[in-house]
Amino acid sequence: MLIKKGATPKQVQKRLGHAKPSITLNVYTHLWEADEDRTADMMESALNDVP
């Protein structure tokens, strides 16, 4: 998907013709559920970087 490649939800919304970015996110959020481990790792890394 475009968001996985770095596009913003707003950019994808325009490309798909959705009225609002929230529609895009509501429709396609299930595609990122497999990324939960990666997201948790990113959060842990970000918190470890805080002084």
PDB file of N, CA and C in Angstrom:
ATOM      1  N   MET A   1       0.828  -1.193   0.000  1.00  0.00           N
ATOM      2  CA  MET A   1       0.000   0.000   0.000  1.00  0.00           C
ATOM      3  C   MET A   1       0.865   1.247   0.000  1.00  0.00           C
ATOM      4  N   LEU A   2       0.249   2.332  -0.381  1.00  0.00           N
ATOM      5  CA  LEU A   2       0.981   3.588  -0.474  1.00  0.00           C
ATOM      6  C   LEU A   2       1.464   4.092   0.880  1.00  0.00           C
ATOM      7  N   ILE A   3       0.652   3.915   1.910  1.00  0.00           N
ATOM      8  CA  ILE A   3       1.063   4.399   3.233  1.00  0.00           C
ATOM      9  C   ILE A   3       2.286   3.634   3.725  1.00  0.00           C
ATOM     10  N   LYS A   4       2.341   2.334   3.454  1.00  0.00           N
ATOM     11  CA  LYS A   4       3.522   1.549   3.838  1.00  0.00           C
ATOM     12  C   LYS A   4       4.766   2.027   3.098  1.00  0.00           C
ATOM     13  N   LYS A   5       4.574   2.627   1.924  1.00  0.00           N
ATOM     14  CA  LYS A   5       5.699   3.123   1.135  1.00  0.00           C
ATOM     15  C   LYS A   5       6.050   4.568   1.476  1.00  0.00           C
ATOM     16  N   GLY A   6       5.314   5.170   2.444  1.00  0.00           N
ATOM     17  CA  GLY A   6       5.658   6.509   2.899  1.00  0.00           C
ATOM     18  C   GLY A   6       4.665   7.604   2.555  1.00  0.00           C
ATOM     19  N   ALA A   7       3.609   7.295   1.819  1.00  0.00           N
ATOM     20  CA  ALA A   7       2.598   8.305   1.500  1.00  0.00           C
ATOM     21  C   ALA A   7       1.786   8.626   2.750  1.00  0.00           C
ATOM     22  N   THR A   8       1.343   9.858   2.841  1.00  0.00           N
ATOM     23  CA  THR A   8       0.500  10.245   3.970  1.00  0.00           C
ATOM     24  C   THR A   8      -0.939   9.792   3.715  1.00  0.00           C
ATOM     25  N   PRO A   9      -1.722   9.632   4.784  1.00  0.00           N
ATOM     26  CA  PRO A   9      -3.130   9.285   4.586  1.00  0.00           C
ATOM     27  C   PRO A   9      -3.855  10.296   3.695  1.00  0.00           C
ATOM     28  N   LYS A  10      -3.507  11.571   3.796  1.00  0.00           N
ATOM     29  CA  LYS A  10      -4.131  12.611   2.962  1.00  0.00           C
ATOM     30  C   LYS A  10      -3.816  12.377   1.487  1.00  0.00           C
ATOM     31  N   GLN A  11      -2.583  12.022   1.164  1.00  0.00           N
ATOM     32  CA  GLN A  11      -2.205  11.745  -0.227  1.00  0.00           C
ATOM     33  C   GLN A  11      -2.965  10.546  -0.771  1.00  0.00           C
ATOM     34  N   VAL A  12      -3.078   9.504   0.042  1.00  0.00           N
ATOM     35  CA  VAL A  12      -3.793   8.296  -0.381  1.00  0.00           C
ATOM     36  C   VAL A  12      -5.276   8.605  -0.547  1.00  0.00           C
ATOM     37  N   GLN A  13      -5.832   9.379   0.356  1.00  0.00           N
ATOM     38  CA  GLN A  13      -7.239   9.777   0.276  1.00  0.00           C
ATOM     39  C   GLN A  13      -7.526  10.462  -1.053  1.00  0.00           C
ATOM     40  N   LYS A  14      -6.676  11.393  -1.440  1.00  0.00           N
ATOM     41  CA  LYS A  14      -6.874  12.093  -2.712  1.00  0.00           C
ATOM     42  C   LYS A  14      -6.771  11.130  -3.887  1.00  0.00           C
ATOM     43  N   ARG A  15      -5.784  10.245  -3.856  1.00  0.00           N
ATOM     44  CA  ARG A  15      -5.561   9.288  -4.950  1.00  0.00           C
ATOM     45  C   ARG A  15      -6.756   8.352  -5.118  1.00  0.00           C
ATOM     46  N   LEU A  16      -7.351   7.926  -3.986  1.00  0.00           N
ATOM     47  CA  LEU A  16      -8.464   6.984  -4.033  1.00  0.00           C
ATOM     48  C   LEU A  16      -9.822   7.664  -4.189  1.00  0.00           C
ATOM     49  N   GLY A  17      -9.841   8.991  -4.054  1.00  0.00           N
ATOM     50  CA  GLY A  17     -11.092   9.718  -4.220  1.00  0.00           C
ATOM     51  C   GLY A  17     -12.006   9.687  -3.011  1.00  0.00           C
ATOM     52  N   HIS A  18     -11.447   9.389  -1.853  1.00  0.00           N
ATOM     53  CA  HIS A  18     -12.251   9.405  -0.633  1.00  0.00           C
ATOM     54  C   HIS A  18     -12.495  10.850  -0.204  1.00  0.00           C
ATOM     55  N   ALA A  19     -13.637  11.092   0.416  1.00  0.00           N
ATOM     56  CA  ALA A  19     -13.993  12.444   0.846  1.00  0.00           C
ATOM     57  C   ALA A  19     -13.080  12.954   1.959  1.00  0.00           C
ATOM     58  N   LYS A  20     -12.636  12.057   2.840  1.00  0.00           N
ATOM     59  CA  LYS A  20     -11.797  12.438   3.981  1.00  0.00           C
ATOM     60  C   LYS A  20     -10.743  11.360   4.219  1.00  0.00           C
ATOM     61  N   PRO A  21      -9.588  11.749   4.795  1.00  0.00           N
ATOM     62  CA  PRO A  21      -8.575  10.750   5.124  1.00  0.00           C
ATOM     63  C   PRO A  21      -9.083   9.712   6.118  1.00  0.00           C
ATOM     64  N   SER A  22     -10.020  10.101   6.971  1.00  0.00           N
ATOM     65  CA  SER A  22     -10.546   9.148   7.956  1.00  0.00           C
ATOM     66  C   SER A  22     -11.241   7.969   7.276  1.00  0.00           C
ATOM     67  N   ILE A  23     -11.853   8.206   6.132  1.00  0.00           N
ATOM     68  CA  ILE A  23     -12.480   7.105   5.387  1.00  0.00           C
ATOM     69  C   ILE A  23     -11.402   6.129   4.930  1.00  0.00           C
ATOM     70  N   THR A  24     -10.328   6.662   4.379  1.00  0.00           N
ATOM     71  CA  THR A  24      -9.217   5.823   3.921  1.00  0.00           C
ATOM     72  C   THR A  24      -8.684   4.979   5.072  1.00  0.00           C
ATOM     73  N   LEU A  25      -8.458   5.610   6.221  1.00  0.00           N
ATOM     74  CA  LEU A  25      -7.924   4.886   7.373  1.00  0.00           C
ATOM     75  C   LEU A  25      -8.912   3.856   7.896  1.00  0.00           C
ATOM     76  N   ASN A  26     -10.191   4.200   7.937  1.00  0.00           N
ATOM     77  CA  ASN A  26     -11.198   3.243   8.414  1.00  0.00           C
ATOM     78  C   ASN A  26     -11.297   2.021   7.511  1.00  0.00           C
ATOM     79  N   VAL A  27     -11.143   2.224   6.214  1.00  0.00           N
ATOM     80  CA  VAL A  27     -11.270   1.118   5.260  1.00  0.00           C
ATOM     81  C   VAL A  27     -10.034   0.228   5.265  1.00  0.00           C
ATOM     82  N   TYR A  28      -8.848   0.824   5.391  1.00  0.00           N
ATOM     83  CA  TYR A  28      -7.619   0.066   5.177  1.00  0.00           C
ATOM     84  C   TYR A  28      -6.798  -0.216   6.428  1.00  0.00           C
ATOM     85  N   THR A  29      -7.261   0.190   7.600  1.00  0.00           N
ATOM     86  CA  THR A  29      -6.504  -0.024   8.834  1.00  0.00           C
ATOM     87  C   THR A  29      -6.146  -1.488   9.054  1.00  0.00           C
ATOM     88  N   HIS A  30      -7.011  -2.402   8.686  1.00  0.00           N
ATOM     89  CA  HIS A  30      -6.747  -3.832   8.905  1.00  0.00           C
ATOM     90  C   HIS A  30      -5.468  -4.299   8.211  1.00  0.00           C
ATOM     91  N   LEU A  31      -5.030  -3.582   7.192  1.00  0.00           N
ATOM     92  CA  LEU A  31      -3.818  -3.976   6.471  1.00  0.00           C
ATOM     93  C   LEU A  31      -2.557  -3.776   7.303  1.00  0.00           C
ATOM     94  N   TRP A  32      -2.647  -2.938   8.336  1.00  0.00           N
ATOM     95  CA  TRP A  32      -1.460  -2.659   9.143  1.00  0.00           C
ATOM     96  C   TRP A  32      -1.446  -3.408  10.455  1.00  0.00           C
ATOM     97  N   GLU A  33      -2.436  -4.223  10.720  1.00  0.00           N
ATOM     98  CA  GLU A  33      -2.470  -4.961  11.980  1.00  0.00           C
ATOM     99  C   GLU A  33      -1.265  -5.883  12.125  1.00  0.00           C
ATOM    100  N   ALA A  34      -0.746  -6.381  11.018  1.00  0.00           N
ATOM    101  CA  ALA A  34       0.428  -7.256  11.058  1.00  0.00           C
ATOM    102  C   ALA A  34       1.687  -6.492  11.457  1.00  0.00           C
ATOM    103  N   ASP A  35       1.635  -5.171  11.419  1.00  0.00           N
ATOM    104  CA  ASP A  35       2.795  -4.347  11.753  1.00  0.00           C
ATOM    105  C   ASP A  35       2.864  -3.991  13.235  1.00  0.00           C
ATOM    106  N   GLU A  36       2.005  -4.580  14.061  1.00  0.00           N
ATOM    107  CA  GLU A  36       1.971  -4.237  15.483  1.00  0.00           C
ATOM    108  C   GLU A  36       3.323  -4.449  16.164  1.00  0.00           C
ATOM    109  N   ASP A  37       4.022  -5.532  15.843  1.00  0.00           N
ATOM    110  CA  ASP A  37       5.331  -5.780  16.457  1.00  0.00           C
ATOM    111  C   ASP A  37       6.318  -4.688  16.073  1.00  0.00           C
ATOM    112  N   ARG A  38       6.295  -4.294  14.814  1.00  0.00           N
ATOM    113  CA  ARG A  38       7.200  -3.241  14.346  1.00  0.00           C
ATOM    114  C   ARG A  38       6.874  -1.924  15.042  1.00  0.00           C
ATOM    115  N   THR A  39       5.593  -1.643  15.210  1.00  0.00           N
ATOM    116  CA  THR A  39       5.174  -0.420  15.886  1.00  0.00           C
ATOM    117  C   THR A  39       5.624  -0.433  17.342  1.00  0.00           C
ATOM    118  N   ALA A  40       5.485  -1.553  18.003  1.00  0.00           N
ATOM    119  CA  ALA A  40       5.934  -1.668  19.396  1.00  0.00           C
ATOM    120  C   ALA A  40       7.442  -1.452  19.488  1.00  0.00           C
ATOM    121  N   ASP A  41       8.189  -2.003  18.548  1.00  0.00           N
ATOM    122  CA  ASP A  41       9.641  -1.811  18.531  1.00  0.00           C
ATOM    123  C   ASP A  41       9.995  -0.341  18.316  1.00  0.00           C
ATOM    124  N   MET A  42       9.257   0.331  17.436  1.00  0.00           N
ATOM    125  CA  MET A  42       9.500   1.749  17.177  1.00  0.00           C
ATOM    126  C   MET A  42       9.232   2.577  18.436  1.00  0.00           C
ATOM    127  N   MET A  43       8.157   2.251  19.143  1.00  0.00           N
ATOM    128  CA  MET A  43       7.813   2.972  20.366  1.00  0.00           C
ATOM    129  C   MET A  43       8.885   2.766  21.428  1.00  0.00           C
ATOM    130  N   GLU A  44       9.324   1.534  21.585  1.00  0.00           N
ATOM    131  CA  GLU A  44      10.369   1.236  22.564  1.00  0.00           C
ATOM    132  C   GLU A  44      11.649   1.988  22.226  1.00  0.00           C
ATOM    133  N   SER A  45      12.016   2.004  20.964  1.00  0.00           N
ATOM    134  CA  SER A  45      13.213   2.713  20.531  1.00  0.00           C
ATOM    135  C   SER A  45      13.087   4.212  20.794  1.00  0.00           C
ATOM    136  N   ALA A  46      11.920   4.771  20.490  1.00  0.00           N
ATOM    137  CA  ALA A  46      11.704   6.200  20.712  1.00  0.00           C
ATOM    138  C   ALA A  46      11.797   6.542  22.194  1.00  0.00           C
ATOM    139  N   LEU A  47      11.222   5.700  23.040  1.00  0.00           N
ATOM    140  CA  LEU A  47      11.268   5.953  24.477  1.00  0.00           C
ATOM    141  C   LEU A  47      12.678   5.805  25.030  1.00  0.00           C
ATOM    142  N   ASN A  48      13.459   4.915  24.458  1.00  0.00           N
ATOM    143  CA  ASN A  48      14.841   4.736  24.902  1.00  0.00           C
ATOM    144  C   ASN A  48      15.715   5.916  24.510  1.00  0.00           C
ATOM    145  N   ASP A  49      15.306   6.655  23.479  1.00  0.00           N
ATOM    146  CA  ASP A  49      16.073   7.811  23.021  1.00  0.00           C
ATOM    147  C   ASP A  49      15.809   9.067  23.848  1.00  0.00           C
ATOM    148  N   VAL A  50      14.771   9.041  24.684  1.00  0.00           N
ATOM    149  CA  VAL A  50      14.435  10.203  25.513  1.00  0.00           C
ATOM    150  C   VAL A  50      15.427  10.279  26.665  1.00  0.00           C
ATOM    151  N   PRO A  51      16.058  11.459  26.835  1.00  0.00           N
ATOM    152  CA  PRO A  51      17.047  11.583  27.922  1.00  0.00           C
ATOM    153  C   PRO A  51      16.442  11.506  29.305  1.00  0.00           C
TER     154      PRO A  51
END
